[in-house]
């Protein structure tokens, strides 16, 4: 992932957003928290870690590129314009190629409801 390019574009498009990288040196996931109080963010993904939420429902709306989304062991191939809902308790992760998608979390995302799965 081209970290500088992605961060600069996110800052240009969403100047008030908080930008979060999953790894500062070699990120595979960059998130712009556009409206955190409403659970809205823009994510740019190469690969996310497998995880689940006990209470949060997530909706992914693909904006650029394609995404392989794995939910409870089932692969879903998503492309621009596709929408996918992930229910609480479902283990999920995604693989893309600098894929952009809007993420809407209900209730809003919180670290307290983000549980990583063992590899």
PDB file of N, CA and C in Angstrom:
ATOM      1  N   UNK A   1       0.845  -1.179   0.000  1.00  0.00           N
ATOM      2  CA  UNK A   1       0.000   0.000   0.000  1.00  0.00           C
ATOM      3  C   UNK A   1       0.885   1.235   0.000  1.00  0.00           C
ATOM      4  N   UNK A   2       0.501   2.200  -0.787  1.00  0.00           N
ATOM      5  CA  UNK A   2       1.246   3.454  -0.836  1.00  0.00           C
ATOM      6  C   UNK A   2       0.720   4.364   0.281  1.00  0.00           C
ATOM      7  N   UNK A   3       1.361   4.277   1.445  1.00  0.00           N
ATOM      8  CA  UNK A   3       0.908   4.983   2.645  1.00  0.00           C
ATOM      9  C   UNK A   3       0.771   6.481   2.413  1.00  0.00           C
ATOM     10  N   UNK A   4       1.786   7.106   1.854  1.00  0.00           N
ATOM     11  CA  UNK A   4       1.787   8.561   1.672  1.00  0.00           C
ATOM     12  C   UNK A   4       0.643   8.978   0.750  1.00  0.00           C
ATOM     13  N   UNK A   5       0.495   8.285  -0.361  1.00  0.00           N
ATOM     14  CA  UNK A   5      -0.564   8.606  -1.323  1.00  0.00           C
ATOM     15  C   UNK A   5      -1.950   8.487  -0.680  1.00  0.00           C
ATOM     16  N   UNK A   6      -2.188   7.390   0.031  1.00  0.00           N
ATOM     17  CA  UNK A   6      -3.502   7.155   0.643  1.00  0.00           C
ATOM     18  C   UNK A   6      -3.792   8.187   1.727  1.00  0.00           C
ATOM     19  N   UNK A   7      -2.842   8.416   2.616  1.00  0.00           N
ATOM     20  CA  UNK A   7      -3.052   9.379   3.703  1.00  0.00           C
ATOM     21  C   UNK A   7      -3.299  10.775   3.136  1.00  0.00           C
ATOM     22  N   UNK A   8      -2.512  11.180   2.148  1.00  0.00           N
ATOM     23  CA  UNK A   8      -2.699  12.507   1.550  1.00  0.00           C
ATOM     24  C   UNK A   8      -4.071  12.642   0.896  1.00  0.00           C
ATOM     25  N   UNK A   9      -4.514  11.604   0.191  1.00  0.00           N
ATOM     26  CA  UNK A   9      -5.822  11.652  -0.468  1.00  0.00           C
ATOM     27  C   UNK A   9      -6.942  11.693   0.568  1.00  0.00           C
ATOM     28  N   UNK A  10      -6.817  10.906   1.640  1.00  0.00           N
ATOM     29  CA  UNK A  10      -7.833  10.930   2.699  1.00  0.00           C
ATOM     30  C   UNK A  10      -7.900  12.305   3.362  1.00  0.00           C
ATOM     31  N   UNK A  11      -6.733  12.905   3.610  1.00  0.00           N
ATOM     32  CA  UNK A  11      -6.704  14.244   4.218  1.00  0.00           C
ATOM     33  C   UNK A  11      -7.323  15.284   3.293  1.00  0.00           C
ATOM     34  N   UNK A  12      -7.091  15.124   1.988  1.00  0.00           N
ATOM     35  CA  UNK A  12      -7.671  16.051   1.013  1.00  0.00           C
ATOM     36  C   UNK A  12      -9.197  15.917   0.972  1.00  0.00           C
ATOM     37  N   UNK A  13      -9.682  14.681   0.932  1.00  0.00           N
ATOM     38  CA  UNK A  13     -11.118  14.441   0.817  1.00  0.00           C
ATOM     39  C   UNK A  13     -11.871  14.652   2.125  1.00  0.00           C
ATOM     40  N   UNK A  14     -11.204  14.345   3.248  1.00  0.00           N
ATOM     41  CA  UNK A  14     -11.847  14.397   4.566  1.00  0.00           C
ATOM     42  C   UNK A  14     -10.942  15.155   5.534  1.00  0.00           C
ATOM     43  N   UNK A  15     -10.820  16.474   5.368  1.00  0.00           N
ATOM     44  CA  UNK A  15      -9.843  17.243   6.150  1.00  0.00           C
ATOM     45  C   UNK A  15     -10.077  17.225   7.662  1.00  0.00           C
ATOM     46  N   UNK A  16     -11.284  16.953   8.099  1.00  0.00           N
ATOM     47  CA  UNK A  16     -11.568  16.938   9.540  1.00  0.00           C
ATOM     48  C   UNK A  16     -11.478  15.541  10.146  1.00  0.00           C
ATOM     49  N   UNK A  17     -11.236  14.530   9.321  1.00  0.00           N
ATOM     50  CA  UNK A  17     -11.212  13.144   9.795  1.00  0.00           C
ATOM     51  C   UNK A  17      -9.938  12.835  10.573  1.00  0.00           C
ATOM     52  N   UNK A  18     -10.076  11.938  11.536  1.00  0.00           N
ATOM     53  CA  UNK A  18      -8.929  11.373  12.239  1.00  0.00           C
ATOM     54  C   UNK A  18      -8.438  10.185  11.415  1.00  0.00           C
ATOM     55  N   UNK A  19      -7.172  10.193  11.004  1.00  0.00           N
ATOM     56  CA  UNK A  19      -6.600   9.127  10.179  1.00  0.00           C
ATOM     57  C   UNK A  19      -5.868   8.141  11.083  1.00  0.00           C
ATOM     58  N   UNK A  20      -6.228   6.848  10.963  1.00  0.00           N
ATOM     59  CA  UNK A  20      -5.649   5.802  11.805  1.00  0.00           C
ATOM     60  C   UNK A  20      -5.009   4.746  10.909  1.00  0.00           C
ATOM     61  N   UNK A  21      -3.734   4.412  11.183  1.00  0.00           N
ATOM     62  CA  UNK A  21      -3.018   3.366  10.456  1.00  0.00           C
ATOM     63  C   UNK A  21      -2.850   2.176  11.388  1.00  0.00           C
ATOM     64  N   UNK A  22      -3.072   0.960  10.883  1.00  0.00           N
ATOM     65  CA  UNK A  22      -2.916  -0.203  11.748  1.00  0.00           C
ATOM     66  C   UNK A  22      -1.448  -0.511  12.037  1.00  0.00           C
ATOM     67  N   UNK A  23      -0.544   0.003  11.239  1.00  0.00           N
ATOM     68  CA  UNK A  23       0.896  -0.132  11.467  1.00  0.00           C
ATOM     69  C   UNK A  23       1.544   1.103  10.847  1.00  0.00           C
ATOM     70  N   UNK A  24       2.241   1.865  11.643  1.00  0.00           N
ATOM     71  CA  UNK A  24       2.793   3.144  11.177  1.00  0.00           C
ATOM     72  C   UNK A  24       3.805   2.966  10.038  1.00  0.00           C
ATOM     73  N   UNK A  25       4.642   1.920  10.115  1.00  0.00           N
ATOM     74  CA  UNK A  25       5.692   1.732   9.106  1.00  0.00           C
ATOM     75  C   UNK A  25       5.184   1.042   7.847  1.00  0.00           C
ATOM     76  N   UNK A  26       4.365   0.009   8.019  1.00  0.00           N
ATOM     77  CA  UNK A  26       3.913  -0.785   6.881  1.00  0.00           C
ATOM     78  C   UNK A  26       2.423  -1.089   7.023  1.00  0.00           C
ATOM     79  N   UNK A  27       1.568  -0.086   6.840  1.00  0.00           N
ATOM     80  CA  UNK A  27       0.138  -0.308   7.071  1.00  0.00           C
ATOM     81  C   UNK A  27      -0.499  -1.195   6.005  1.00  0.00           C
ATOM     82  N   UNK A  28      -1.443  -2.027   6.449  1.00  0.00           N
ATOM     83  CA  UNK A  28      -2.272  -2.808   5.535  1.00  0.00           C
ATOM     84  C   UNK A  28      -3.725  -2.349   5.621  1.00  0.00           C
ATOM     85  N   UNK A  29      -3.969  -1.404   6.530  1.00  0.00           N
ATOM     86  CA  UNK A  29      -5.308  -0.848   6.709  1.00  0.00           C
ATOM     87  C   UNK A  29      -5.170   0.594   7.202  1.00  0.00           C
ATOM     88  N   UNK A  30      -5.817   1.517   6.495  1.00  0.00           N
ATOM     89  CA  UNK A  30      -5.823   2.927   6.883  1.00  0.00           C
ATOM     90  C   UNK A  30      -7.283   3.361   6.938  1.00  0.00           C
ATOM     91  N   UNK A  31      -7.667   3.976   8.060  1.00  0.00           N
ATOM     92  CA  UNK A  31      -9.062   4.363   8.263  1.00  0.00           C
ATOM     93  C   UNK A  31      -9.143   5.859   8.523  1.00  0.00           C
ATOM     94  N   UNK A  32     -10.068   6.512   7.838  1.00  0.00           N
ATOM     95  CA  UNK A  32     -10.391   7.911   8.108  1.00  0.00           C
ATOM     96  C   UNK A  32     -11.716   7.920   8.860  1.00  0.00           C
ATOM     97  N   UNK A  33     -11.654   8.301  10.128  1.00  0.00           N
ATOM     98  CA  UNK A  33     -12.872   8.372  10.938  1.00  0.00           C
ATOM     99  C   UNK A  33     -13.583   9.673  10.573  1.00  0.00           C
ATOM    100  N   UNK A  34     -14.527   9.593   9.637  1.00  0.00           N
ATOM    101  CA  UNK A  34     -15.168  10.788   9.088  1.00  0.00           C
ATOM    102  C   UNK A  34     -16.242  11.349  10.010  1.00  0.00           C
ATOM    103  N   UNK A  35     -17.023  10.487  10.612  1.00  0.00           N
ATOM    104  CA  UNK A  35     -18.053  10.891  11.576  1.00  0.00           C
ATOM    105  C   UNK A  35     -18.111   9.836  12.677  1.00  0.00           C
ATOM    106  N   UNK A  36     -17.121   9.812  13.561  1.00  0.00           N
ATOM    107  CA  UNK A  36     -17.040   8.734  14.549  1.00  0.00           C
ATOM    108  C   UNK A  36     -18.260   8.646  15.467  1.00  0.00           C
ATOM    109  N   UNK A  37     -18.879   9.772  15.768  1.00  0.00           N
ATOM    110  CA  UNK A  37     -20.061   9.748  16.630  1.00  0.00           C
ATOM    111  C   UNK A  37     -21.262   9.104  15.941  1.00  0.00           C
ATOM    112  N   UNK A  38     -21.213   9.015  14.606  1.00  0.00           N
ATOM    113  CA  UNK A  38     -22.269   8.360  13.830  1.00  0.00           C
ATOM    114  C   UNK A  38     -21.812   7.005  13.296  1.00  0.00           C
ATOM    115  N   UNK A  39     -20.602   6.584  13.668  1.00  0.00           N
ATOM    116  CA  UNK A  39     -20.091   5.292  13.231  1.00  0.00           C
ATOM    117  C   UNK A  39     -19.687   5.247  11.774  1.00  0.00           C
ATOM    118  N   UNK A  40     -19.324   6.394  11.188  1.00  0.00           N
ATOM    119  CA  UNK A  40     -18.969   6.430   9.768  1.00  0.00           C
ATOM    120  C   UNK A  40     -17.468   6.613   9.578  1.00  0.00           C
ATOM    121  N   UNK A  41     -16.925   5.837   8.634  1.00  0.00           N
ATOM    122  CA  UNK A  41     -15.497   5.910   8.330  1.00  0.00           C
ATOM    123  C   UNK A  41     -15.281   5.494   6.881  1.00  0.00           C
ATOM    124  N   UNK A  42     -14.117   5.862   6.365  1.00  0.00           N
ATOM    125  CA  UNK A  42     -13.650   5.386   5.068  1.00  0.00           C
ATOM    126  C   UNK A  42     -12.415   4.539   5.352  1.00  0.00           C
ATOM    127  N   UNK A  43     -12.430   3.294   4.882  1.00  0.00           N
ATOM    128  CA  UNK A  43     -11.296   2.395   5.087  1.00  0.00           C
ATOM    129  C   UNK A  43     -10.624   2.121   3.748  1.00  0.00           C
ATOM    130  N   UNK A  44      -9.300   2.013   3.787  1.00  0.00           N
ATOM    131  CA  UNK A  44      -8.511   1.607   2.624  1.00  0.00           C
ATOM    132  C   UNK A  44      -7.754   0.363   3.069  1.00  0.00           C
ATOM    133  N   UNK A  45      -7.971  -0.744   2.369  1.00  0.00           N
ATOM    134  CA  UNK A  45      -7.540  -2.056   2.842  1.00  0.00           C
ATOM    135  C   UNK A  45      -6.647  -2.773   1.837  1.00  0.00           C
ATOM    136  N   UNK A  46      -5.568  -3.327   2.347  1.00  0.00           N
ATOM    137  CA  UNK A  46      -4.862  -4.411   1.668  1.00  0.00           C
ATOM    138  C   UNK A  46      -5.225  -5.717   2.378  1.00  0.00           C
ATOM    139  N   UNK A  47      -5.163  -5.694   3.727  1.00  0.00           N
ATOM    140  CA  UNK A  47      -5.584  -6.858   4.518  1.00  0.00           C
ATOM    141  C   UNK A  47      -5.893  -6.407   5.933  1.00  0.00           C
ATOM    142  N   UNK A  48      -7.038  -6.842   6.429  1.00  0.00           N
ATOM    143  CA  UNK A  48      -7.385  -6.572   7.823  1.00  0.00           C
ATOM    144  C   UNK A  48      -7.242  -7.857   8.626  1.00  0.00           C
ATOM    145  N   UNK A  49      -7.065  -7.720   9.916  1.00  0.00           N
ATOM    146  CA  UNK A  49      -6.937  -8.872  10.806  1.00  0.00           C
ATOM    147  C   UNK A  49      -8.321  -9.465  11.083  1.00  0.00           C
ATOM    148  N   UNK A  50      -8.367 -10.782  11.225  1.00  0.00           N
ATOM    149  CA  UNK A  50      -9.630 -11.448  11.561  1.00  0.00           C
ATOM    150  C   UNK A  50     -10.083 -10.998  12.943  1.00  0.00           C
ATOM    151  N   UNK A  51     -11.365 -10.632  13.034  1.00  0.00           N
ATOM    152  CA  UNK A  51     -11.910 -10.122  14.288  1.00  0.00           C
ATOM    153  C   UNK A  51     -13.428 -10.260  14.288  1.00  0.00           C
ATOM    154  N   UNK A  52     -14.012  -9.961  15.439  1.00  0.00           N
ATOM    155  CA  UNK A  52     -15.473  -9.906  15.529  1.00  0.00           C
ATOM    156  C   UNK A  52     -15.870  -8.811  16.503  1.00  0.00           C
ATOM    157  N   UNK A  53     -17.138  -8.495  16.499  1.00  0.00           N
ATOM    158  CA  UNK A  53     -17.717  -7.521  17.421  1.00  0.00           C
ATOM    159  C   UNK A  53     -18.908  -8.200  18.091  1.00  0.00           C
ATOM    160  N   UNK A  54     -19.058  -8.026  19.381  1.00  0.00           N
ATOM    161  CA  UNK A  54     -20.194  -8.628  20.078  1.00  0.00           C
ATOM    162  C   UNK A  54     -21.486  -7.852  19.866  1.00  0.00           C
ATOM    163  N   UNK A  55     -21.378  -6.547  19.690  1.00  0.00           N
ATOM    164  CA  UNK A  55     -22.570  -5.695  19.634  1.00  0.00           C
ATOM    165  C   UNK A  55     -22.705  -4.885  18.346  1.00  0.00           C
ATOM    166  N   UNK A  56     -21.615  -4.677  17.647  1.00  0.00           N
ATOM    167  CA  UNK A  56     -21.615  -3.774  16.498  1.00  0.00           C
ATOM    168  C   UNK A  56     -21.959  -4.499  15.204  1.00  0.00           C
ATOM    169  N   UNK A  57     -22.884  -3.907  14.442  1.00  0.00           N
ATOM    170  CA  UNK A  57     -23.177  -4.349  13.082  1.00  0.00           C
ATOM    171  C   UNK A  57     -22.407  -3.418  12.156  1.00  0.00           C
ATOM    172  N   UNK A  58     -21.764  -3.987  11.129  1.00  0.00           N
ATOM    173  CA  UNK A  58     -21.006  -3.180  10.177  1.00  0.00           C
ATOM    174  C   UNK A  58     -21.603  -3.319   8.784  1.00  0.00           C
ATOM    175  N   UNK A  59     -21.624  -2.209   8.068  1.00  0.00           N
ATOM    176  CA  UNK A  59     -22.025  -2.209   6.664  1.00  0.00           C
ATOM    177  C   UNK A  59     -20.842  -1.697   5.856  1.00  0.00           C
ATOM    178  N   UNK A  60     -20.423  -2.483   4.860  1.00  0.00           N
ATOM    179  CA  UNK A  60     -19.354  -2.083   3.953  1.00  0.00           C
ATOM    180  C   UNK A  60     -19.990  -1.693   2.622  1.00  0.00           C
ATOM    181  N   UNK A  61     -19.602  -0.530   2.107  1.00  0.00           N
ATOM    182  CA  UNK A  61     -20.055  -0.069   0.796  1.00  0.00           C
ATOM    183  C   UNK A  61     -18.794   0.185  -0.036  1.00  0.00           C
ATOM    184  N   UNK A  62     -18.548  -0.669  -1.019  1.00  0.00           N
ATOM    185  CA  UNK A  62     -17.303  -0.614  -1.784  1.00  0.00           C
ATOM    186  C   UNK A  62     -17.314   0.613  -2.697  1.00  0.00           C
ATOM    187  N   UNK A  63     -16.250   1.424  -2.587  1.00  0.00           N
ATOM    188  CA  UNK A  63     -16.144   2.651  -3.381  1.00  0.00           C
ATOM    189  C   UNK A  63     -15.156   2.532  -4.537  1.00  0.00           C
ATOM    190  N   UNK A  64     -14.011   1.887  -4.285  1.00  0.00           N
ATOM    191  CA  UNK A  64     -12.971   1.756  -5.319  1.00  0.00           C
ATOM    192  C   UNK A  64     -12.332   0.381  -5.208  1.00  0.00           C
ATOM    193  N   UNK A  65     -12.231  -0.287  -6.335  1.00  0.00           N
ATOM    194  CA  UNK A  65     -11.548  -1.571  -6.360  1.00  0.00           C
ATOM    195  C   UNK A  65     -12.467  -2.727  -6.005  1.00  0.00           C
ATOM    196  N   UNK A  66     -11.847  -3.846  -5.658  1.00  0.00           N
ATOM    197  CA  UNK A  66     -12.599  -5.044  -5.282  1.00  0.00           C
ATOM    198  C   UNK A  66     -12.066  -5.548  -3.947  1.00  0.00           C
ATOM    199  N   UNK A  67     -12.896  -6.334  -3.266  1.00  0.00           N
ATOM    200  CA  UNK A  67     -12.566  -6.793  -1.922  1.00  0.00           C
ATOM    201  C   UNK A  67     -12.980  -8.243  -1.770  1.00  0.00           C
ATOM    202  N   UNK A  68     -12.069  -9.053  -1.241  1.00  0.00           N
ATOM    203  CA  UNK A  68     -12.424 -10.400  -0.815  1.00  0.00           C
ATOM    204  C   UNK A  68     -12.747 -10.296   0.667  1.00  0.00           C
ATOM    205  N   UNK A  69     -14.014 -10.475   1.009  1.00  0.00           N
ATOM    206  CA  UNK A  69     -14.457 -10.378   2.393  1.00  0.00           C
ATOM    207  C   UNK A  69     -14.780 -11.777   2.890  1.00  0.00           C
ATOM    208  N   UNK A  70     -14.131 -12.180   3.960  1.00  0.00           N
ATOM    209  CA  UNK A  70     -14.344 -13.490   4.554  1.00  0.00           C
ATOM    210  C   UNK A  70     -15.171 -13.307   5.820  1.00  0.00           C
ATOM    211  N   UNK A  71     -16.341 -13.948   5.855  1.00  0.00           N
ATOM    212  CA  UNK A  71     -17.250 -13.841   6.994  1.00  0.00           C
ATOM    213  C   UNK A  71     -17.604 -15.254   7.446  1.00  0.00           C
ATOM    214  N   UNK A  72     -17.241 -15.570   8.682  1.00  0.00           N
ATOM    215  CA  UNK A  72     -17.482 -16.910   9.231  1.00  0.00           C
ATOM    216  C   UNK A  72     -16.999 -18.000   8.275  1.00  0.00           C
ATOM    217  N   UNK A  73     -15.839 -17.774   7.657  1.00  0.00           N
ATOM    218  CA  UNK A  73     -15.220 -18.774   6.801  1.00  0.00           C
ATOM    219  C   UNK A  73     -15.701 -18.784   5.357  1.00  0.00           C
ATOM    220  N   UNK A  74     -16.683 -17.972   5.020  1.00  0.00           N
ATOM    221  CA  UNK A  74     -17.201 -17.914   3.651  1.00  0.00           C
ATOM    222  C   UNK A  74     -16.653 -16.680   2.949  1.00  0.00           C
ATOM    223  N   UNK A  75     -16.135 -16.898   1.725  1.00  0.00           N
ATOM    224  CA  UNK A  75     -15.569 -15.797   0.941  1.00  0.00           C
ATOM    225  C   UNK A  75     -16.665 -15.120   0.122  1.00  0.00           C
ATOM    226  N   UNK A  76     -16.663 -13.784   0.178  1.00  0.00           N
ATOM    227  CA  UNK A  76     -17.584 -12.974  -0.610  1.00  0.00           C
ATOM    228  C   UNK A  76     -16.745 -12.031  -1.467  1.00  0.00           C
ATOM    229  N   UNK A  77     -16.924 -12.084  -2.784  1.00  0.00           N
ATOM    230  CA  UNK A  77     -16.203 -11.203  -3.703  1.00  0.00           C
ATOM    231  C   UNK A  77     -17.050  -9.959  -3.942  1.00  0.00           C
ATOM    232  N   UNK A  78     -16.524  -8.811  -3.525  1.00  0.00           N
ATOM    233  CA  UNK A  78     -17.261  -7.554  -3.639  1.00  0.00           C
ATOM    234  C   UNK A  78     -16.553  -6.623  -4.615  1.00  0.00           C
ATOM    235  N   UNK A  79     -17.348  -5.811  -5.301  1.00  0.00           N
ATOM    236  CA  UNK A  79     -16.809  -4.843  -6.264  1.00  0.00           C
ATOM    237  C   UNK A  79     -17.457  -3.489  -6.001  1.00  0.00           C
ATOM    238  N   UNK A  80     -16.994  -2.475  -6.716  1.00  0.00           N
ATOM    239  CA  UNK A  80     -17.517  -1.119  -6.548  1.00  0.00           C
ATOM    240  C   UNK A  80     -19.039  -1.113  -6.588  1.00  0.00           C
ATOM    241  N   UNK A  81     -19.632  -0.433  -5.604  1.00  0.00           N
ATOM    242  CA  UNK A  81     -21.083  -0.329  -5.514  1.00  0.00           C
ATOM    243  C   UNK A  81     -21.741  -1.396  -4.668  1.00  0.00           C
ATOM    244  N   UNK A  82     -21.037  -2.504  -4.408  1.00  0.00           N
ATOM    245  CA  UNK A  82     -21.623  -3.567  -3.589  1.00  0.00           C
ATOM    246  C   UNK A  82     -21.738  -3.126  -2.136  1.00  0.00           C
ATOM    247  N   UNK A  83     -22.759  -3.670  -1.473  1.00  0.00           N
ATOM    248  CA  UNK A  83     -23.015  -3.397  -0.059  1.00  0.00           C
ATOM    249  C   UNK A  83     -23.083  -4.737   0.660  1.00  0.00           C
ATOM    250  N   UNK A  84     -22.437  -4.827   1.823  1.00  0.00           N
ATOM    251  CA  UNK A  84     -22.451  -6.076   2.589  1.00  0.00           C
ATOM    252  C   UNK A  84     -22.587  -5.742   4.067  1.00  0.00           C
ATOM    253  N   UNK A  85     -23.511  -6.442   4.743  1.00  0.00           N
ATOM    254  CA  UNK A  85     -23.720  -6.258   6.178  1.00  0.00           C
ATOM    255  C   UNK A  85     -23.082  -7.397   6.951  1.00  0.00           C
ATOM    256  N   UNK A  86     -22.372  -7.049   8.009  1.00  0.00           N
ATOM    257  CA  UNK A  86     -21.736  -8.016   8.905  1.00  0.00           C
ATOM    258  C   UNK A  86     -22.427  -7.890  10.258  1.00  0.00           C
ATOM    259  N   UNK A  87     -22.995  -8.992  10.711  1.00  0.00           N
ATOM    260  CA  UNK A  87     -23.763  -8.993  11.953  1.00  0.00           C
ATOM    261  C   UNK A  87     -22.847  -9.171  13.165  1.00  0.00           C
ATOM    262  N   UNK A  88     -23.298  -8.722  14.336  1.00  0.00           N
ATOM    263  CA  UNK A  88     -22.511  -8.952  15.559  1.00  0.00           C
ATOM    264  C   UNK A  88     -22.204 -10.443  15.719  1.00  0.00           C
ATOM    265  N   UNK A  89     -20.995 -10.736  16.178  1.00  0.00           N
ATOM    266  CA  UNK A  89     -20.571 -12.114  16.409  1.00  0.00           C
ATOM    267  C   UNK A  89     -19.937 -12.793  15.213  1.00  0.00           C
ATOM    268  N   UNK A  90     -20.093 -12.252  14.013  1.00  0.00           N
ATOM    269  CA  UNK A  90     -19.510 -12.881  12.833  1.00  0.00           C
ATOM    270  C   UNK A  90     -18.025 -12.529  12.732  1.00  0.00           C
ATOM    271  N   UNK A  91     -17.194 -13.564  12.626  1.00  0.00           N
ATOM    272  CA  UNK A  91     -15.752 -13.364  12.454  1.00  0.00           C
ATOM    273  C   UNK A  91     -15.519 -12.954  11.008  1.00  0.00           C
ATOM    274  N   UNK A  92     -14.739 -11.883  10.827  1.00  0.00           N
ATOM    275  CA  UNK A  92     -14.531 -11.385   9.473  1.00  0.00           C
ATOM    276  C   UNK A  92     -13.160 -10.740   9.311  1.00  0.00           C
ATOM    277  N   UNK A  93     -12.702 -10.761   8.051  1.00  0.00           N
ATOM    278  CA  UNK A  93     -11.503 -10.027   7.643  1.00  0.00           C
ATOM    279  C   UNK A  93     -11.605  -9.789   6.146  1.00  0.00           C
ATOM    280  N   UNK A  94     -10.776  -8.888   5.651  1.00  0.00           N
ATOM    281  CA  UNK A  94     -10.865  -8.508   4.244  1.00  0.00           C
ATOM    282  C   UNK A  94      -9.482  -8.462   3.609  1.00  0.00           C
ATOM    283  N   UNK A  95      -9.447  -8.772   2.314  1.00  0.00           N
ATOM    284  CA  UNK A  95      -8.233  -8.667   1.509  1.00  0.00           C
ATOM    285  C   UNK A  95      -8.578  -7.856   0.264  1.00  0.00           C
ATOM    286  N   UNK A  96      -7.786  -6.820   0.014  1.00  0.00           N
ATOM    287  CA  UNK A  96      -7.997  -5.987  -1.162  1.00  0.00           C
ATOM    288  C   UNK A  96      -6.665  -5.570  -1.744  1.00  0.00           C
ATOM    289  N   UNK A  97      -6.721  -4.595  -2.614  1.00  0.00           N
ATOM    290  CA  UNK A  97      -5.519  -4.021  -3.203  1.00  0.00           C
ATOM    291  C   UNK A  97      -5.721  -2.512  -3.193  1.00  0.00           C
ATOM    292  N   UNK A  98      -5.451  -1.928  -2.028  1.00  0.00           N
ATOM    293  CA  UNK A  98      -5.711  -0.509  -1.801  1.00  0.00           C
ATOM    294  C   UNK A  98      -7.187  -0.218  -2.130  1.00  0.00           C
ATOM    295  N   UNK A  99      -8.063  -1.096  -1.628  1.00  0.00           N
ATOM    296  CA  UNK A  99      -9.506  -1.005  -1.844  1.00  0.00           C
ATOM    297  C   UNK A  99     -10.126  -0.011  -0.871  1.00  0.00           C
ATOM    298  N   UNK A 100     -10.954   0.877  -1.391  1.00  0.00           N
ATOM    299  CA  UNK A 100     -11.636   1.888  -0.579  1.00  0.00           C
ATOM    300  C   UNK A 100     -13.073   1.455  -0.342  1.00  0.00           C
ATOM    301  N   UNK A 101     -13.543   1.577   0.913  1.00  0.00           N
ATOM    302  CA  UNK A 101     -14.960   1.355   1.184  1.00  0.00           C
ATOM    303  C   UNK A 101     -15.417   2.207   2.356  1.00  0.00           C
ATOM    304  N   UNK A 102     -16.699   2.556   2.297  1.00  0.00           N
ATOM    305  CA  UNK A 102     -17.312   3.247   3.425  1.00  0.00           C
ATOM    306  C   UNK A 102     -17.723   2.185   4.429  1.00  0.00           C
ATOM    307  N   UNK A 103     -17.487   2.470   5.688  1.00  0.00           N
ATOM    308  CA  UNK A 103     -17.864   1.559   6.758  1.00  0.00           C
ATOM    309  C   UNK A 103     -18.815   2.306   7.686  1.00  0.00           C
ATOM    310  N   UNK A 104     -19.984   1.708   7.908  1.00  0.00           N
ATOM    311  CA  UNK A 104     -20.961   2.287   8.825  1.00  0.00           C
ATOM    312  C   UNK A 104     -21.173   1.281   9.946  1.00  0.00           C
ATOM    313  N   UNK A 105     -20.874   1.685  11.168  1.00  0.00           N
ATOM    314  CA  UNK A 105     -20.967   0.809  12.336  1.00  0.00           C
ATOM    315  C   UNK A 105     -22.127   1.257  13.217  1.00  0.00           C
ATOM    316  N   UNK A 106     -22.969   0.284  13.598  1.00  0.00           N
ATOM    317  CA  UNK A 106     -24.115   0.565  14.460  1.00  0.00           C
ATOM    318  C   UNK A 106     -24.119  -0.426  15.616  1.00  0.00           C
ATOM    319  N   UNK A 107     -23.965   0.002  16.849  1.00  0.00           N
ATOM    320  CA  UNK A 107     -23.634   1.357  17.272  1.00  0.00           C
ATOM    321  C   UNK A 107     -22.230   1.734  16.772  1.00  0.00           C
ATOM    322  N   UNK A 108     -21.838   3.006  16.939  1.00  0.00           N
ATOM    323  CA  UNK A 108     -20.513   3.423  16.471  1.00  0.00           C
ATOM    324  C   UNK A 108     -19.402   2.516  16.998  1.00  0.00           C
ATOM    325  N   UNK A 109     -18.382   2.293  16.147  1.00  0.00           N
ATOM    326  CA  UNK A 109     -17.251   1.428  16.476  1.00  0.00           C
ATOM    327  C   UNK A 109     -16.576   1.887  17.763  1.00  0.00           C
ATOM    328  N   UNK A 110     -16.140   0.895  18.562  1.00  0.00           N
ATOM    329  CA  UNK A 110     -15.336   1.192  19.754  1.00  0.00           C
ATOM    330  C   UNK A 110     -14.331   0.070  19.953  1.00  0.00           C
ATOM    331  N   UNK A 111     -13.188   0.411  20.503  1.00  0.00           N
ATOM    332  CA  UNK A 111     -12.133  -0.580  20.760  1.00  0.00           C
ATOM    333  C   UNK A 111     -12.612  -1.644  21.742  1.00  0.00           C
ATOM    334  N   UNK A 112     -13.542  -1.283  22.629  1.00  0.00           N
ATOM    335  CA  UNK A 112     -14.051  -2.232  23.618  1.00  0.00           C
ATOM    336  C   UNK A 112     -14.868  -3.352  22.979  1.00  0.00           C
ATOM    337  N   UNK A 113     -15.334  -3.157  21.742  1.00  0.00           N
ATOM    338  CA  UNK A 113     -16.124  -4.169  21.045  1.00  0.00           C
ATOM    339  C   UNK A 113     -15.408  -4.653  19.781  1.00  0.00           C
ATOM    340  N   UNK A 114     -14.081  -4.714  19.850  1.00  0.00           N
ATOM    341  CA  UNK A 114     -13.250  -5.170  18.728  1.00  0.00           C
ATOM    342  C   UNK A 114     -12.354  -6.285  19.261  1.00  0.00           C
ATOM    343  N   UNK A 115     -12.647  -7.528  18.871  1.00  0.00           N
ATOM    344  CA  UNK A 115     -11.953  -8.687  19.417  1.00  0.00           C
ATOM    345  C   UNK A 115     -11.211  -9.417  18.306  1.00  0.00           C
ATOM    346  N   UNK A 116      -9.872  -9.418  18.388  1.00  0.00           N
ATOM    347  CA  UNK A 116      -9.052 -10.108  17.396  1.00  0.00           C
ATOM    348  C   UNK A 116      -9.155 -11.607  17.588  1.00  0.00           C
ATOM    349  N   UNK A 117      -9.136 -12.333  16.480  1.00  0.00           N
ATOM    350  CA  UNK A 117      -9.146 -13.793  16.497  1.00  0.00           C
ATOM    351  C   UNK A 117      -7.709 -14.289  16.479  1.00  0.00           C
ATOM    352  N   UNK A 118      -7.498 -15.455  17.052  1.00  0.00           N
ATOM    353  CA  UNK A 118      -6.159 -16.045  17.015  1.00  0.00           C
ATOM    354  C   UNK A 118      -5.892 -16.552  15.612  1.00  0.00           C
ATOM    355  N   UNK A 119      -4.658 -16.346  15.159  1.00  0.00           N
ATOM    356  CA  UNK A 119      -4.270 -16.776  13.802  1.00  0.00           C
ATOM    357  C   UNK A 119      -4.219 -18.277  13.719  1.00  0.00           C
TER     358      UNK A 119
END
